[in-house]
């Protein structure tokens, strides 16, 4: 799941003089600092500040909406069927989604 939009990181790089941004893999951003000949990873502190300022990425919003929709659908099915199995399955799926939404230490 992408935690950041590439535009957010690119915007920060342009504002702070970092050049040639590239993404090694999801959430690993590298660029050349000002007056440098070797690329460095974007500092974790900066990534946290960007995340705090910009909020949830598009992927995170989509997954959150899916979790709410699954919960509502399972609640309705549980009521109609008079059976707790749909809400139990939904709990497992939503727990997985919430686990993916947790921000790990970079």
C-alpha atoms as a PDB file:
ATOM      1  CA  UNK A   1       0.000   0.000   0.000  1.00  0.00           C
ATOM      2  CA  UNK A   2       1.392   3.368  -0.967  1.00  0.00           C
ATOM      3  CA  UNK A   3       1.626   5.642   2.050  1.00  0.00           C
ATOM      4  CA  UNK A   4       2.618   8.740   0.080  1.00  0.00           C
ATOM      5  CA  UNK A   5       1.680  10.220  -3.243  1.00  0.00           C
ATOM      6  CA  UNK A   6       4.724  10.706  -5.443  1.00  0.00           C
ATOM      7  CA  UNK A   7       3.677  14.309  -5.981  1.00  0.00           C
ATOM      8  CA  UNK A   8       4.023  15.034  -2.244  1.00  0.00           C
ATOM      9  CA  UNK A   9       7.619  13.812  -2.151  1.00  0.00           C
ATOM     10  CA  UNK A  10       8.466  15.516  -5.455  1.00  0.00           C
ATOM     11  CA  UNK A  11       7.026  18.787  -4.151  1.00  0.00           C
ATOM     12  CA  UNK A  12       9.155  18.573  -1.004  1.00  0.00           C
ATOM     13  CA  UNK A  13      12.253  17.820  -3.080  1.00  0.00           C
ATOM     14  CA  UNK A  14      11.684  20.844  -5.325  1.00  0.00           C
ATOM     15  CA  UNK A  15      11.122  23.117  -2.310  1.00  0.00           C
ATOM     16  CA  UNK A  16      14.286  21.947  -0.564  1.00  0.00           C
ATOM     17  CA  UNK A  17      16.668  21.665  -3.522  1.00  0.00           C
ATOM     18  CA  UNK A  18      16.827  17.874  -3.734  1.00  0.00           C
ATOM     19  CA  UNK A  19      17.044  16.573  -7.301  1.00  0.00           C
ATOM     20  CA  UNK A  20      16.471  13.411  -9.345  1.00  0.00           C
ATOM     21  CA  UNK A  21      13.918  11.736  -7.103  1.00  0.00           C
ATOM     22  CA  UNK A  22      13.532   8.000  -7.626  1.00  0.00           C
ATOM     23  CA  UNK A  23      11.577   5.329  -5.792  1.00  0.00           C
ATOM     24  CA  UNK A  24      13.501   2.187  -4.921  1.00  0.00           C
ATOM     25  CA  UNK A  25      10.353   0.367  -3.774  1.00  0.00           C
ATOM     26  CA  UNK A  26       7.191   1.375  -1.965  1.00  0.00           C
ATOM     27  CA  UNK A  27       8.002   4.040   0.657  1.00  0.00           C
ATOM     28  CA  UNK A  28      11.741   4.138  -0.136  1.00  0.00           C
ATOM     29  CA  UNK A  29      12.436   7.491  -1.734  1.00  0.00           C
ATOM     30  CA  UNK A  30      15.920   8.556  -2.791  1.00  0.00           C
ATOM     31  CA  UNK A  31      17.199  11.837  -4.194  1.00  0.00           C
ATOM     32  CA  UNK A  32      20.332  13.935  -4.471  1.00  0.00           C
ATOM     33  CA  UNK A  33      20.599  16.488  -1.657  1.00  0.00           C
ATOM     34  CA  UNK A  34      21.778  20.001  -2.537  1.00  0.00           C
ATOM     35  CA  UNK A  35      25.454  20.058  -3.642  1.00  0.00           C
ATOM     36  CA  UNK A  36      25.757  16.282  -3.408  1.00  0.00           C
ATOM     37  CA  UNK A  37      27.070  13.685  -5.830  1.00  0.00           C
ATOM     38  CA  UNK A  38      25.544  10.695  -4.047  1.00  0.00           C
ATOM     39  CA  UNK A  39      21.817  10.039  -3.610  1.00  0.00           C
ATOM     40  CA  UNK A  40      20.478   9.655  -0.094  1.00  0.00           C
ATOM     41  CA  UNK A  41      17.158   8.368   1.196  1.00  0.00           C
ATOM     42  CA  UNK A  42      14.629  11.036   2.111  1.00  0.00           C
ATOM     43  CA  UNK A  43      14.940  11.299   5.926  1.00  0.00           C
ATOM     44  CA  UNK A  44      12.275   9.481   7.965  1.00  0.00           C
ATOM     45  CA  UNK A  45      11.553  12.626   9.939  1.00  0.00           C
ATOM     46  CA  UNK A  46      10.689  14.430   6.709  1.00  0.00           C
ATOM     47  CA  UNK A  47       8.460  11.563   5.545  1.00  0.00           C
ATOM     48  CA  UNK A  48       6.571  11.689   8.850  1.00  0.00           C
ATOM     49  CA  UNK A  49       6.133  15.464   8.531  1.00  0.00           C
ATOM     50  CA  UNK A  50       4.813  15.104   4.984  1.00  0.00           C
ATOM     51  CA  UNK A  51       2.404  12.396   6.113  1.00  0.00           C
ATOM     52  CA  UNK A  52       1.160  14.531   9.007  1.00  0.00           C
ATOM     53  CA  UNK A  53       0.624  17.519   6.734  1.00  0.00           C
ATOM     54  CA  UNK A  54      -0.970  15.745   3.778  1.00  0.00           C
ATOM     55  CA  UNK A  55      -3.040  13.027   5.494  1.00  0.00           C
ATOM     56  CA  UNK A  56      -4.105   9.770   3.913  1.00  0.00           C
ATOM     57  CA  UNK A  57      -3.008   8.722   0.438  1.00  0.00           C
ATOM     58  CA  UNK A  58      -5.488   7.612  -2.207  1.00  0.00           C
ATOM     59  CA  UNK A  59      -4.763   3.928  -1.500  1.00  0.00           C
ATOM     60  CA  UNK A  60      -5.360   4.401   2.221  1.00  0.00           C
ATOM     61  CA  UNK A  61      -8.652   6.191   1.572  1.00  0.00           C
ATOM     62  CA  UNK A  62      -9.801   3.411  -0.753  1.00  0.00           C
ATOM     63  CA  UNK A  63      -8.947   0.663   1.730  1.00  0.00           C
ATOM     64  CA  UNK A  64     -10.631   2.549   4.577  1.00  0.00           C
ATOM     65  CA  UNK A  65     -13.776   2.954   2.515  1.00  0.00           C
ATOM     66  CA  UNK A  66     -13.678  -0.747   1.650  1.00  0.00           C
ATOM     67  CA  UNK A  67     -13.423  -1.652   5.351  1.00  0.00           C
ATOM     68  CA  UNK A  68     -16.469   0.464   6.181  1.00  0.00           C
ATOM     69  CA  UNK A  69     -18.435  -0.998   3.253  1.00  0.00           C
ATOM     70  CA  UNK A  70     -17.552  -4.571   4.238  1.00  0.00           C
ATOM     71  CA  UNK A  71     -18.600  -3.918   7.830  1.00  0.00           C
ATOM     72  CA  UNK A  72     -21.943  -2.412   6.796  1.00  0.00           C
ATOM     73  CA  UNK A  73     -22.670  -5.170   4.306  1.00  0.00           C
ATOM     74  CA  UNK A  74     -21.791  -7.862   6.836  1.00  0.00           C
ATOM     75  CA  UNK A  75     -24.011  -6.222   9.466  1.00  0.00           C
ATOM     76  CA  UNK A  76     -26.961  -6.198   7.090  1.00  0.00           C
ATOM     77  CA  UNK A  77     -26.359  -9.822   6.060  1.00  0.00           C
ATOM     78  CA  UNK A  78     -26.038 -10.813   9.704  1.00  0.00           C
ATOM     79  CA  UNK A  79     -29.392  -9.214  10.507  1.00  0.00           C
ATOM     80  CA  UNK A  80     -31.191 -10.701   7.478  1.00  0.00           C
ATOM     81  CA  UNK A  81     -29.761 -14.209   7.873  1.00  0.00           C
ATOM     82  CA  UNK A  82     -29.922 -14.139  11.692  1.00  0.00           C
ATOM     83  CA  UNK A  83     -26.495 -15.693  11.678  1.00  0.00           C
ATOM     84  CA  UNK A  84     -23.255 -14.263  13.144  1.00  0.00           C
ATOM     85  CA  UNK A  85     -20.994 -15.800  10.476  1.00  0.00           C
ATOM     86  CA  UNK A  86     -20.964 -12.788   8.065  1.00  0.00           C
ATOM     87  CA  UNK A  87     -19.900 -10.348  10.770  1.00  0.00           C
ATOM     88  CA  UNK A  88     -17.257 -12.802  11.991  1.00  0.00           C
ATOM     89  CA  UNK A  89     -15.756 -13.073   8.506  1.00  0.00           C
ATOM     90  CA  UNK A  90     -15.943  -9.309   8.076  1.00  0.00           C
ATOM     91  CA  UNK A  91     -14.081  -8.855  11.359  1.00  0.00           C
ATOM     92  CA  UNK A  92     -11.184 -10.898   9.994  1.00  0.00           C
ATOM     93  CA  UNK A  93     -11.057  -8.977   6.720  1.00  0.00           C
ATOM     94  CA  UNK A  94     -11.314  -5.575   8.407  1.00  0.00           C
ATOM     95  CA  UNK A  95      -8.662  -6.546  10.966  1.00  0.00           C
ATOM     96  CA  UNK A  96      -6.314  -7.337   8.086  1.00  0.00           C
ATOM     97  CA  UNK A  97      -7.077  -3.978   6.432  1.00  0.00           C
ATOM     98  CA  UNK A  98      -6.513  -2.071   9.674  1.00  0.00           C
ATOM     99  CA  UNK A  99      -3.214  -3.899  10.128  1.00  0.00           C
ATOM    100  CA  UNK A 100      -2.132  -2.760   6.669  1.00  0.00           C
ATOM    101  CA  UNK A 101      -3.114   0.825   7.463  1.00  0.00           C
ATOM    102  CA  UNK A 102      -0.834   0.925  10.520  1.00  0.00           C
ATOM    103  CA  UNK A 103       2.216   3.044   9.880  1.00  0.00           C
ATOM    104  CA  UNK A 104       5.320   1.008  10.547  1.00  0.00           C
ATOM    105  CA  UNK A 105       8.515   2.625  11.710  1.00  0.00           C
ATOM    106  CA  UNK A 106      10.513   3.619   8.667  1.00  0.00           C
END
